[in-house]
Amino acid sequence: MSSVRHQDIGNSRDSKNTDSWDEDEIMDIRFNLFENEFAGRFAKRFAGMGMLLHESPLPKATQELVSLRASQINGCGHCIDMHTKEAAAAGESAVRLHLVAAWRESTVFTEAEQAALALAEEGTRLADAHEGVSDPTWSLVRKHYDDDQIAALICLVAMINAANRLAVITHQPGGSYEPGMLAAATS
């Protein structure tokens, strides 16, 4: 088992709040998926599917925004770190990255990106709505994307949610990802 120090020292524990933490607390990585033979084989195939999605006709900026939004909803620090840094390295603006969590109240996203972000949210929060992805959201997606892009978008939402769960369950921390690491690991 590996350990990682929390980097954010903005919160400190006081005697009244036992839910907060301080800089000396350690987050233990529960399980290294790349050190286990079966999990390593699975992870390589999973990463390969991710690379296939990266090669899809869905715009790269949309892919990173969707992955970032789903990761924010799922509280996955590892994936938030990865997709923020990959998007920035690809030229995404800091303003847009900072506003992904509040995209509905922002003017910096296209209608197509808004449709993709709505699908990402509704596809991530399936348990929160009895209908899953709403008809209005689906109509917007159909309006802005062709069938191949829609197929990629659906697969992307499924994949990022799976990746978030793998990372959250095993306590993979955010903060140390460098742009290009995933691509290098799959080549």
N, C-alpha and C. Protein backbone atom coordinates (compact mmCIF):
# COMPACT_ATOMS: atom_id res chain seq x y z
N MET A 1 0.84 -1.17 0.00
CA MET A 1 0.00 0.00 0.00
C MET A 1 0.89 1.24 0.00
N SER A 2 0.54 2.23 -0.82
CA SER A 2 1.29 3.47 -0.93
C SER A 2 0.58 4.57 -0.19
N SER A 3 1.30 5.63 0.14
CA SER A 3 0.71 6.77 0.82
C SER A 3 1.04 8.04 0.08
N VAL A 4 0.14 9.01 0.16
CA VAL A 4 0.33 10.30 -0.47
C VAL A 4 -0.12 11.37 0.52
N ARG A 5 0.68 12.42 0.67
CA ARG A 5 0.28 13.54 1.52
C ARG A 5 -0.71 14.41 0.79
N HIS A 6 -1.72 14.89 1.50
CA HIS A 6 -2.63 15.87 0.93
C HIS A 6 -1.85 17.14 0.63
N GLN A 7 -2.05 17.71 -0.53
CA GLN A 7 -1.33 18.92 -0.93
C GLN A 7 -2.04 20.19 -0.48
N ASP A 8 -3.35 20.16 -0.36
CA ASP A 8 -4.12 21.35 -0.01
C ASP A 8 -4.10 21.53 1.50
N ILE A 9 -3.53 22.63 1.97
CA ILE A 9 -3.49 22.87 3.41
C ILE A 9 -4.47 23.95 3.82
N GLY A 10 -5.46 24.19 2.95
CA GLY A 10 -6.46 25.21 3.24
C GLY A 10 -7.38 24.84 4.39
N ASN A 11 -7.54 23.58 4.66
CA ASN A 11 -8.38 23.13 5.76
C ASN A 11 -7.50 22.61 6.87
N SER A 12 -7.82 22.93 8.09
CA SER A 12 -7.10 22.34 9.21
C SER A 12 -8.10 21.84 10.23
N ARG A 13 -7.76 20.78 10.88
CA ARG A 13 -8.67 20.17 11.83
C ARG A 13 -8.72 21.00 13.11
N ASP A 14 -9.90 21.25 13.61
CA ASP A 14 -10.04 21.86 14.93
C ASP A 14 -10.82 20.90 15.81
N SER A 15 -10.95 21.24 17.05
CA SER A 15 -11.56 20.30 17.99
C SER A 15 -13.05 20.10 17.73
N LYS A 16 -13.70 21.01 17.02
CA LYS A 16 -15.13 20.89 16.77
C LYS A 16 -15.45 20.17 15.48
N ASN A 17 -14.57 20.18 14.51
CA ASN A 17 -14.86 19.62 13.19
C ASN A 17 -13.95 18.44 12.92
N THR A 18 -14.45 17.25 13.09
CA THR A 18 -13.64 16.06 12.87
C THR A 18 -13.72 15.58 11.43
N ASP A 19 -14.54 16.25 10.59
CA ASP A 19 -14.64 15.87 9.19
C ASP A 19 -13.56 16.52 8.34
N SER A 20 -12.89 17.55 8.83
CA SER A 20 -11.84 18.20 8.06
C SER A 20 -10.51 17.53 8.35
N TRP A 21 -9.45 17.94 7.63
CA TRP A 21 -8.16 17.31 7.77
C TRP A 21 -7.09 18.39 7.71
N ASP A 22 -5.89 18.01 8.07
CA ASP A 22 -4.78 18.96 7.97
C ASP A 22 -3.69 18.38 7.08
N GLU A 23 -2.63 19.16 6.85
CA GLU A 23 -1.60 18.77 5.90
C GLU A 23 -0.82 17.53 6.30
N ASP A 24 -0.90 17.11 7.55
CA ASP A 24 -0.13 15.95 8.00
C ASP A 24 -0.85 14.62 7.80
N GLU A 25 -2.12 14.69 7.46
CA GLU A 25 -2.84 13.44 7.26
C GLU A 25 -2.43 12.81 5.94
N ILE A 26 -2.50 11.51 5.89
CA ILE A 26 -2.06 10.73 4.75
C ILE A 26 -3.27 10.03 4.13
N MET A 27 -3.36 10.07 2.78
CA MET A 27 -4.37 9.30 2.07
C MET A 27 -3.69 8.04 1.55
N ASP A 28 -4.14 6.90 1.98
CA ASP A 28 -3.55 5.64 1.55
C ASP A 28 -4.16 5.19 0.23
N ILE A 29 -3.28 4.88 -0.73
CA ILE A 29 -3.74 4.26 -1.96
C ILE A 29 -4.07 2.83 -1.60
N ARG A 30 -5.31 2.43 -1.84
CA ARG A 30 -5.76 1.12 -1.41
C ARG A 30 -5.23 -0.02 -2.25
N PHE A 31 -5.13 0.21 -3.55
CA PHE A 31 -4.79 -0.89 -4.45
C PHE A 31 -4.20 -0.31 -5.71
N ASN A 32 -3.06 -0.81 -6.15
CA ASN A 32 -2.45 -0.36 -7.39
C ASN A 32 -2.89 -1.30 -8.51
N LEU A 33 -3.75 -0.79 -9.37
CA LEU A 33 -4.29 -1.61 -10.44
C LEU A 33 -3.23 -2.08 -11.43
N PHE A 34 -2.11 -1.36 -11.52
CA PHE A 34 -1.07 -1.73 -12.47
C PHE A 34 -0.10 -2.76 -11.91
N GLU A 35 -0.14 -3.02 -10.61
CA GLU A 35 0.75 -4.01 -10.01
C GLU A 35 0.12 -5.40 -9.95
N ASN A 36 -1.19 -5.50 -10.14
CA ASN A 36 -1.88 -6.78 -10.14
C ASN A 36 -1.98 -7.27 -11.58
N GLU A 37 -1.67 -8.53 -11.82
CA GLU A 37 -1.65 -9.05 -13.20
C GLU A 37 -3.00 -8.89 -13.90
N PHE A 38 -4.07 -9.35 -13.27
CA PHE A 38 -5.38 -9.24 -13.92
C PHE A 38 -5.79 -7.78 -14.10
N ALA A 39 -5.67 -7.00 -13.04
CA ALA A 39 -6.06 -5.59 -13.12
C ALA A 39 -5.21 -4.84 -14.13
N GLY A 40 -3.95 -5.19 -14.23
CA GLY A 40 -3.08 -4.57 -15.22
C GLY A 40 -3.52 -4.85 -16.64
N ARG A 41 -3.91 -6.10 -16.91
CA ARG A 41 -4.43 -6.44 -18.25
C ARG A 41 -5.72 -5.67 -18.53
N PHE A 42 -6.59 -5.60 -17.53
CA PHE A 42 -7.83 -4.84 -17.69
C PHE A 42 -7.54 -3.37 -17.94
N ALA A 43 -6.63 -2.80 -17.15
CA ALA A 43 -6.30 -1.39 -17.27
C ALA A 43 -5.73 -1.05 -18.65
N LYS A 44 -4.91 -1.94 -19.20
CA LYS A 44 -4.36 -1.69 -20.54
C LYS A 44 -5.47 -1.68 -21.59
N ARG A 45 -6.41 -2.60 -21.49
CA ARG A 45 -7.52 -2.63 -22.44
C ARG A 45 -8.43 -1.41 -22.25
N PHE A 46 -8.66 -1.06 -21.01
CA PHE A 46 -9.48 0.11 -20.67
C PHE A 46 -8.83 1.38 -21.25
N ALA A 47 -7.53 1.52 -21.05
CA ALA A 47 -6.81 2.68 -21.59
C ALA A 47 -6.83 2.66 -23.12
N GLY A 48 -6.77 1.48 -23.71
CA GLY A 48 -6.86 1.36 -25.16
C GLY A 48 -8.20 1.85 -25.68
N MET A 49 -9.27 1.54 -24.96
CA MET A 49 -10.59 2.04 -25.35
C MET A 49 -10.63 3.56 -25.23
N GLY A 50 -9.97 4.08 -24.22
CA GLY A 50 -9.88 5.53 -24.06
C GLY A 50 -9.16 6.18 -25.22
N MET A 51 -8.09 5.54 -25.70
CA MET A 51 -7.36 6.07 -26.85
C MET A 51 -8.22 6.00 -28.11
N LEU A 52 -9.02 4.95 -28.26
CA LEU A 52 -9.95 4.86 -29.38
C LEU A 52 -10.94 6.03 -29.35
N LEU A 53 -11.45 6.34 -28.18
CA LEU A 53 -12.35 7.49 -28.04
C LEU A 53 -11.64 8.78 -28.40
N HIS A 54 -10.40 8.91 -28.01
CA HIS A 54 -9.62 10.11 -28.31
C HIS A 54 -9.47 10.30 -29.83
N GLU A 55 -9.47 9.21 -30.57
CA GLU A 55 -9.36 9.27 -32.03
C GLU A 55 -10.71 9.43 -32.72
N SER A 56 -11.78 9.51 -31.98
CA SER A 56 -13.13 9.61 -32.55
C SER A 56 -13.36 11.00 -33.14
N PRO A 57 -14.46 11.17 -33.88
CA PRO A 57 -14.77 12.48 -34.46
C PRO A 57 -15.34 13.49 -33.46
N LEU A 58 -15.54 13.08 -32.22
CA LEU A 58 -16.00 14.02 -31.20
C LEU A 58 -14.87 14.99 -30.91
N PRO A 59 -15.12 16.31 -30.97
CA PRO A 59 -14.03 17.27 -30.75
C PRO A 59 -13.28 17.01 -29.44
N LYS A 60 -11.96 17.14 -29.52
CA LYS A 60 -11.10 16.86 -28.35
C LYS A 60 -11.45 17.76 -27.17
N ALA A 61 -11.73 19.03 -27.43
CA ALA A 61 -12.10 19.94 -26.34
C ALA A 61 -13.37 19.45 -25.64
N THR A 62 -14.33 18.99 -26.41
CA THR A 62 -15.58 18.47 -25.84
C THR A 62 -15.29 17.23 -25.00
N GLN A 63 -14.41 16.37 -25.48
CA GLN A 63 -14.06 15.16 -24.73
C GLN A 63 -13.50 15.52 -23.36
N GLU A 64 -12.59 16.47 -23.31
CA GLU A 64 -11.98 16.85 -22.03
C GLU A 64 -12.99 17.54 -21.12
N LEU A 65 -13.84 18.40 -21.67
CA LEU A 65 -14.84 19.08 -20.84
C LEU A 65 -15.83 18.08 -20.24
N VAL A 66 -16.28 17.12 -21.04
CA VAL A 66 -17.20 16.08 -20.57
C VAL A 66 -16.53 15.23 -19.49
N SER A 67 -15.30 14.82 -19.73
CA SER A 67 -14.57 14.01 -18.74
C SER A 67 -14.35 14.78 -17.45
N LEU A 68 -14.03 16.04 -17.57
CA LEU A 68 -13.83 16.88 -16.39
C LEU A 68 -15.13 17.03 -15.61
N ARG A 69 -16.25 17.29 -16.30
CA ARG A 69 -17.52 17.49 -15.58
C ARG A 69 -17.97 16.23 -14.86
N ALA A 70 -17.91 15.09 -15.52
CA ALA A 70 -18.30 13.84 -14.85
C ALA A 70 -17.39 13.58 -13.65
N SER A 71 -16.11 13.85 -13.79
CA SER A 71 -15.16 13.64 -12.70
C SER A 71 -15.44 14.56 -11.53
N GLN A 72 -15.85 15.80 -11.81
CA GLN A 72 -16.24 16.72 -10.73
C GLN A 72 -17.44 16.18 -9.98
N ILE A 73 -18.44 15.72 -10.70
CA ILE A 73 -19.65 15.18 -10.07
C ILE A 73 -19.31 13.98 -9.19
N ASN A 74 -18.42 13.12 -9.69
CA ASN A 74 -18.06 11.91 -8.96
C ASN A 74 -16.98 12.12 -7.90
N GLY A 75 -16.45 13.32 -7.79
CA GLY A 75 -15.44 13.61 -6.78
C GLY A 75 -14.14 12.87 -7.00
N CYS A 76 -13.75 12.70 -8.25
CA CYS A 76 -12.53 11.95 -8.57
C CYS A 76 -11.37 12.91 -8.79
N GLY A 77 -10.57 13.14 -7.76
CA GLY A 77 -9.44 14.05 -7.84
C GLY A 77 -8.42 13.65 -8.89
N HIS A 78 -8.17 12.35 -9.01
CA HIS A 78 -7.20 11.86 -9.99
C HIS A 78 -7.63 12.23 -11.41
N CYS A 79 -8.90 12.00 -11.74
CA CYS A 79 -9.38 12.28 -13.10
C CYS A 79 -9.57 13.78 -13.33
N ILE A 80 -9.96 14.53 -12.31
CA ILE A 80 -10.05 15.98 -12.45
C ILE A 80 -8.66 16.53 -12.78
N ASP A 81 -7.66 16.06 -12.07
CA ASP A 81 -6.28 16.47 -12.30
C ASP A 81 -5.87 16.14 -13.74
N MET A 82 -6.11 14.93 -14.17
CA MET A 82 -5.72 14.48 -15.50
C MET A 82 -6.40 15.30 -16.59
N HIS A 83 -7.71 15.44 -16.53
CA HIS A 83 -8.43 16.08 -17.63
C HIS A 83 -8.26 17.59 -17.63
N THR A 84 -8.06 18.19 -16.48
CA THR A 84 -7.76 19.63 -16.45
C THR A 84 -6.41 19.88 -17.11
N LYS A 85 -5.42 19.09 -16.76
CA LYS A 85 -4.07 19.29 -17.30
C LYS A 85 -3.98 18.93 -18.78
N GLU A 86 -4.65 17.86 -19.20
CA GLU A 86 -4.65 17.51 -20.62
C GLU A 86 -5.33 18.60 -21.45
N ALA A 87 -6.46 19.12 -20.95
CA ALA A 87 -7.18 20.18 -21.66
C ALA A 87 -6.32 21.45 -21.75
N ALA A 88 -5.69 21.82 -20.66
CA ALA A 88 -4.83 23.01 -20.65
C ALA A 88 -3.66 22.83 -21.62
N ALA A 89 -3.06 21.65 -21.62
CA ALA A 89 -1.93 21.38 -22.51
C ALA A 89 -2.36 21.44 -23.98
N ALA A 90 -3.64 21.14 -24.24
CA ALA A 90 -4.16 21.18 -25.61
C ALA A 90 -4.63 22.58 -25.99
N GLY A 91 -4.48 23.54 -25.07
CA GLY A 91 -4.82 24.93 -25.39
C GLY A 91 -6.13 25.43 -24.82
N GLU A 92 -6.79 24.62 -24.01
CA GLU A 92 -8.06 25.07 -23.40
C GLU A 92 -7.78 26.22 -22.45
N SER A 93 -8.67 27.20 -22.42
CA SER A 93 -8.46 28.38 -21.57
C SER A 93 -8.77 28.07 -20.11
N ALA A 94 -8.06 28.76 -19.23
CA ALA A 94 -8.29 28.61 -17.80
C ALA A 94 -9.71 29.02 -17.44
N VAL A 95 -10.24 30.04 -18.08
CA VAL A 95 -11.60 30.50 -17.78
C VAL A 95 -12.60 29.38 -18.03
N ARG A 96 -12.50 28.73 -19.17
CA ARG A 96 -13.46 27.64 -19.48
C ARG A 96 -13.28 26.48 -18.51
N LEU A 97 -12.05 26.13 -18.19
CA LEU A 97 -11.83 25.03 -17.26
C LEU A 97 -12.40 25.35 -15.88
N HIS A 98 -12.25 26.59 -15.44
CA HIS A 98 -12.78 26.98 -14.14
C HIS A 98 -14.30 27.02 -14.12
N LEU A 99 -14.91 27.23 -15.27
CA LEU A 99 -16.37 27.37 -15.32
C LEU A 99 -17.12 26.09 -15.68
N VAL A 100 -16.42 25.00 -15.89
CA VAL A 100 -17.10 23.75 -16.25
C VAL A 100 -18.14 23.36 -15.20
N ALA A 101 -17.82 23.51 -13.94
CA ALA A 101 -18.76 23.11 -12.88
C ALA A 101 -20.02 23.98 -12.88
N ALA A 102 -19.92 25.18 -13.46
CA ALA A 102 -21.07 26.09 -13.50
C ALA A 102 -21.40 26.44 -14.96
N TRP A 103 -21.34 25.47 -15.84
CA TRP A 103 -21.51 25.72 -17.27
C TRP A 103 -22.87 26.32 -17.61
N ARG A 104 -23.90 25.98 -16.87
CA ARG A 104 -25.23 26.54 -17.15
C ARG A 104 -25.29 28.05 -16.90
N GLU A 105 -24.46 28.53 -16.00
CA GLU A 105 -24.43 29.95 -15.65
C GLU A 105 -23.25 30.66 -16.32
N SER A 106 -22.76 30.11 -17.42
CA SER A 106 -21.58 30.65 -18.09
C SER A 106 -21.89 30.95 -19.55
N THR A 107 -21.12 31.86 -20.12
CA THR A 107 -21.31 32.25 -21.52
C THR A 107 -20.19 31.75 -22.41
N VAL A 108 -19.30 30.93 -21.90
CA VAL A 108 -18.09 30.56 -22.64
C VAL A 108 -18.18 29.22 -23.36
N PHE A 109 -19.32 28.55 -23.30
CA PHE A 109 -19.47 27.25 -23.94
C PHE A 109 -20.46 27.34 -25.10
N THR A 110 -20.15 26.65 -26.18
CA THR A 110 -21.04 26.63 -27.34
C THR A 110 -22.29 25.84 -27.01
N GLU A 111 -23.32 25.97 -27.85
CA GLU A 111 -24.54 25.18 -27.65
C GLU A 111 -24.24 23.68 -27.74
N ALA A 112 -23.35 23.30 -28.64
CA ALA A 112 -22.98 21.89 -28.77
C ALA A 112 -22.29 21.40 -27.50
N GLU A 113 -21.38 22.20 -26.96
CA GLU A 113 -20.70 21.81 -25.71
C GLU A 113 -21.69 21.75 -24.56
N GLN A 114 -22.64 22.67 -24.52
CA GLN A 114 -23.66 22.64 -23.47
C GLN A 114 -24.49 21.36 -23.56
N ALA A 115 -24.82 20.94 -24.78
CA ALA A 115 -25.57 19.69 -24.96
C ALA A 115 -24.76 18.51 -24.45
N ALA A 116 -23.46 18.49 -24.77
CA ALA A 116 -22.59 17.39 -24.31
C ALA A 116 -22.45 17.40 -22.79
N LEU A 117 -22.32 18.59 -22.21
CA LEU A 117 -22.19 18.68 -20.75
C LEU A 117 -23.49 18.25 -20.06
N ALA A 118 -24.63 18.60 -20.64
CA ALA A 118 -25.91 18.15 -20.08
C ALA A 118 -26.02 16.63 -20.13
N LEU A 119 -25.63 16.03 -21.26
CA LEU A 119 -25.65 14.57 -21.37
C LEU A 119 -24.69 13.95 -20.35
N ALA A 120 -23.52 14.55 -20.19
CA ALA A 120 -22.56 14.04 -19.21
C ALA A 120 -23.14 14.07 -17.80
N GLU A 121 -23.76 15.17 -17.44
CA GLU A 121 -24.36 15.27 -16.10
C GLU A 121 -25.49 14.27 -15.92
N GLU A 122 -26.42 14.22 -16.86
CA GLU A 122 -27.56 13.32 -16.71
C GLU A 122 -27.14 11.86 -16.81
N GLY A 123 -26.15 11.56 -17.64
CA GLY A 123 -25.64 10.19 -17.75
C GLY A 123 -24.83 9.77 -16.54
N THR A 124 -24.27 10.73 -15.82
CA THR A 124 -23.51 10.45 -14.60
C THR A 124 -24.43 10.30 -13.40
N ARG A 125 -25.48 11.09 -13.37
CA ARG A 125 -26.41 11.10 -12.23
C ARG A 125 -27.64 10.24 -12.49
N LEU A 126 -27.47 9.06 -13.01
CA LEU A 126 -28.60 8.19 -13.35
C LEU A 126 -29.49 7.90 -12.15
N ALA A 127 -28.91 7.73 -11.00
CA ALA A 127 -29.70 7.40 -9.82
C ALA A 127 -30.50 8.59 -9.30
N ASP A 128 -30.16 9.79 -9.75
CA ASP A 128 -30.84 11.00 -9.27
C ASP A 128 -32.11 11.32 -10.05
N ALA A 129 -32.30 10.69 -11.20
CA ALA A 129 -33.47 11.00 -12.03
C ALA A 129 -34.09 9.70 -12.53
N HIS A 130 -35.39 9.61 -12.42
CA HIS A 130 -36.04 8.37 -12.83
C HIS A 130 -35.97 8.13 -14.33
N GLU A 131 -35.80 9.18 -15.12
CA GLU A 131 -35.78 9.00 -16.56
C GLU A 131 -34.37 8.90 -17.16
N GLY A 132 -33.35 9.05 -16.35
CA GLY A 132 -32.00 9.02 -16.89
C GLY A 132 -31.72 10.27 -17.69
N VAL A 133 -31.36 10.12 -18.95
CA VAL A 133 -31.12 11.27 -19.83
C VAL A 133 -32.47 11.75 -20.35
N SER A 134 -32.74 13.02 -20.13
CA SER A 134 -34.05 13.59 -20.50
C SER A 134 -34.20 13.73 -22.01
N ASP A 135 -35.44 13.76 -22.47
CA ASP A 135 -35.72 13.97 -23.89
C ASP A 135 -35.20 15.33 -24.38
N PRO A 136 -35.36 16.42 -23.61
CA PRO A 136 -34.80 17.69 -24.09
C PRO A 136 -33.28 17.64 -24.28
N THR A 137 -32.58 17.00 -23.37
CA THR A 137 -31.12 16.87 -23.52
C THR A 137 -30.79 16.03 -24.74
N TRP A 138 -31.49 14.91 -24.90
CA TRP A 138 -31.24 14.04 -26.04
C TRP A 138 -31.49 14.80 -27.35
N SER A 139 -32.54 15.60 -27.41
CA SER A 139 -32.83 16.40 -28.61
C SER A 139 -31.70 17.37 -28.93
N LEU A 140 -31.14 18.00 -27.89
CA LEU A 140 -30.02 18.92 -28.11
C LEU A 140 -28.79 18.19 -28.63
N VAL A 141 -28.54 17.02 -28.08
CA VAL A 141 -27.40 16.22 -28.53
C VAL A 141 -27.59 15.85 -30.00
N ARG A 142 -28.80 15.40 -30.36
CA ARG A 142 -29.09 15.02 -31.75
C ARG A 142 -28.95 16.22 -32.69
N LYS A 143 -29.28 17.39 -32.21
CA LYS A 143 -29.21 18.62 -33.02
C LYS A 143 -27.76 18.98 -33.36
N HIS A 144 -26.84 18.74 -32.44
CA HIS A 144 -25.47 19.24 -32.58
C HIS A 144 -24.43 18.20 -32.99
N TYR A 145 -24.77 16.92 -32.93
CA TYR A 145 -23.77 15.89 -33.22
C TYR A 145 -24.31 14.86 -34.20
N ASP A 146 -23.41 14.31 -35.03
CA ASP A 146 -23.81 13.24 -35.94
C ASP A 146 -23.76 11.90 -35.18
N ASP A 147 -24.16 10.85 -35.86
CA ASP A 147 -24.25 9.54 -35.19
C ASP A 147 -22.91 9.06 -34.64
N ASP A 148 -21.82 9.23 -35.37
CA ASP A 148 -20.52 8.79 -34.87
C ASP A 148 -20.09 9.61 -33.65
N GLN A 149 -20.36 10.90 -33.67
CA GLN A 149 -20.03 11.73 -32.51
C GLN A 149 -20.90 11.37 -31.31
N ILE A 150 -22.16 11.06 -31.56
CA ILE A 150 -23.05 10.66 -30.46
C ILE A 150 -22.58 9.33 -29.87
N ALA A 151 -22.22 8.40 -30.74
CA ALA A 151 -21.71 7.10 -30.25
C ALA A 151 -20.49 7.33 -29.36
N ALA A 152 -19.58 8.19 -29.82
CA ALA A 152 -18.38 8.48 -29.04
C ALA A 152 -18.74 9.17 -27.72
N LEU A 153 -19.68 10.08 -27.75
CA LEU A 153 -20.09 10.80 -26.54
C LEU A 153 -20.70 9.84 -25.51
N ILE A 154 -21.56 8.95 -25.96
CA ILE A 154 -22.17 7.97 -25.05
C ILE A 154 -21.08 7.08 -24.44
N CYS A 155 -20.19 6.58 -25.28
CA CYS A 155 -19.11 5.72 -24.79
C CYS A 155 -18.19 6.47 -23.84
N LEU A 156 -17.92 7.74 -24.15
CA LEU A 156 -17.08 8.56 -23.28
C LEU A 156 -17.70 8.73 -21.90
N VAL A 157 -18.99 9.03 -21.84
CA VAL A 157 -19.66 9.19 -20.55
C VAL A 157 -19.59 7.89 -19.75
N ALA A 158 -19.80 6.76 -20.42
CA ALA A 158 -19.70 5.47 -19.73
C ALA A 158 -18.27 5.21 -19.25
N MET A 159 -17.30 5.50 -20.10
CA MET A 159 -15.89 5.25 -19.75
C MET A 159 -15.41 6.14 -18.61
N ILE A 160 -15.72 7.43 -18.65
CA ILE A 160 -15.21 8.31 -17.59
C ILE A 160 -15.85 7.96 -16.25
N ASN A 161 -17.11 7.55 -16.27
CA ASN A 161 -17.74 7.15 -15.02
C ASN A 161 -17.10 5.88 -14.48
N ALA A 162 -16.74 4.95 -15.35
CA ALA A 162 -16.04 3.75 -14.91
C ALA A 162 -14.65 4.11 -14.37
N ALA A 163 -13.94 4.98 -15.08
CA ALA A 163 -12.61 5.40 -14.63
C ALA A 163 -12.68 6.11 -13.28
N ASN A 164 -13.68 6.96 -13.10
CA ASN A 164 -13.87 7.63 -11.81
C ASN A 164 -14.06 6.62 -10.70
N ARG A 165 -14.85 5.61 -10.95
CA ARG A 165 -15.12 4.61 -9.91
C ARG A 165 -13.86 3.82 -9.59
N LEU A 166 -13.10 3.44 -10.60
CA LEU A 166 -11.84 2.73 -10.35
C LEU A 166 -10.91 3.57 -9.48
N ALA A 167 -10.78 4.84 -9.81
CA ALA A 167 -9.85 5.71 -9.07
C ALA A 167 -10.34 6.04 -7.67
N VAL A 168 -11.65 6.30 -7.52
CA VAL A 168 -12.18 6.65 -6.20
C VAL A 168 -12.14 5.43 -5.27
N ILE A 169 -12.54 4.27 -5.77
CA ILE A 169 -12.54 3.06 -4.94
C ILE A 169 -11.13 2.75 -4.43
N THR A 170 -10.13 2.94 -5.28
CA THR A 170 -8.76 2.58 -4.90
C THR A 170 -7.97 3.75 -4.31
N HIS A 171 -8.63 4.90 -4.13
CA HIS A 171 -8.00 6.10 -3.54
C HIS A 171 -6.81 6.62 -4.34
N GLN A 172 -6.98 6.77 -5.63
CA GLN A 172 -5.92 7.36 -6.46
C GLN A 172 -5.99 8.87 -6.30
N PRO A 173 -4.98 9.52 -5.77
CA PRO A 173 -5.04 10.96 -5.50
C PRO A 173 -4.78 11.79 -6.74
N GLY A 174 -5.28 13.00 -6.72
CA GLY A 174 -4.98 13.96 -7.77
C GLY A 174 -3.76 14.77 -7.38
N GLY A 175 -3.15 15.40 -8.38
CA GLY A 175 -2.06 16.33 -8.11
C GLY A 175 -0.75 16.02 -8.79
N SER A 176 -0.52 14.78 -9.15
CA SER A 176 0.80 14.43 -9.70
C SER A 176 0.77 14.11 -11.19
N TYR A 177 -0.39 14.19 -11.82
CA TYR A 177 -0.49 13.86 -13.24
C TYR A 177 0.23 14.91 -14.09
N GLU A 178 0.92 14.45 -15.12
CA GLU A 178 1.56 15.33 -16.09
C GLU A 178 0.95 15.04 -17.46
N PRO A 179 0.67 16.09 -18.25
CA PRO A 179 0.07 15.87 -19.57
C PRO A 179 0.85 14.85 -20.39
N GLY A 180 0.12 13.95 -21.02
CA GLY A 180 0.74 12.91 -21.85
C GLY A 180 1.03 11.61 -21.15
N MET A 181 0.85 11.56 -19.83
CA MET A 181 1.17 10.33 -19.09
C MET A 181 0.31 9.15 -19.54
N LEU A 182 -0.98 9.37 -19.74
CA LEU A 182 -1.87 8.28 -20.14
C LEU A 182 -1.49 7.78 -21.52
N ALA A 183 -1.24 8.68 -22.45
CA ALA A 183 -0.85 8.27 -23.80
C ALA A 183 0.44 7.47 -23.77
N ALA A 184 1.39 7.89 -22.97
CA ALA A 184 2.66 7.18 -22.86
C ALA A 184 2.48 5.78 -22.27
N ALA A 185 1.55 5.65 -21.33
CA ALA A 185 1.32 4.36 -20.68
C ALA A 185 0.66 3.36 -21.63
N THR A 186 -0.05 3.85 -22.64
CA THR A 186 -0.75 2.93 -23.54
C THR A 186 0.02 2.66 -24.82
N SER A 187 1.15 3.32 -25.00
CA SER A 187 1.90 3.09 -26.25
C SER A 187 2.95 2.02 -26.08
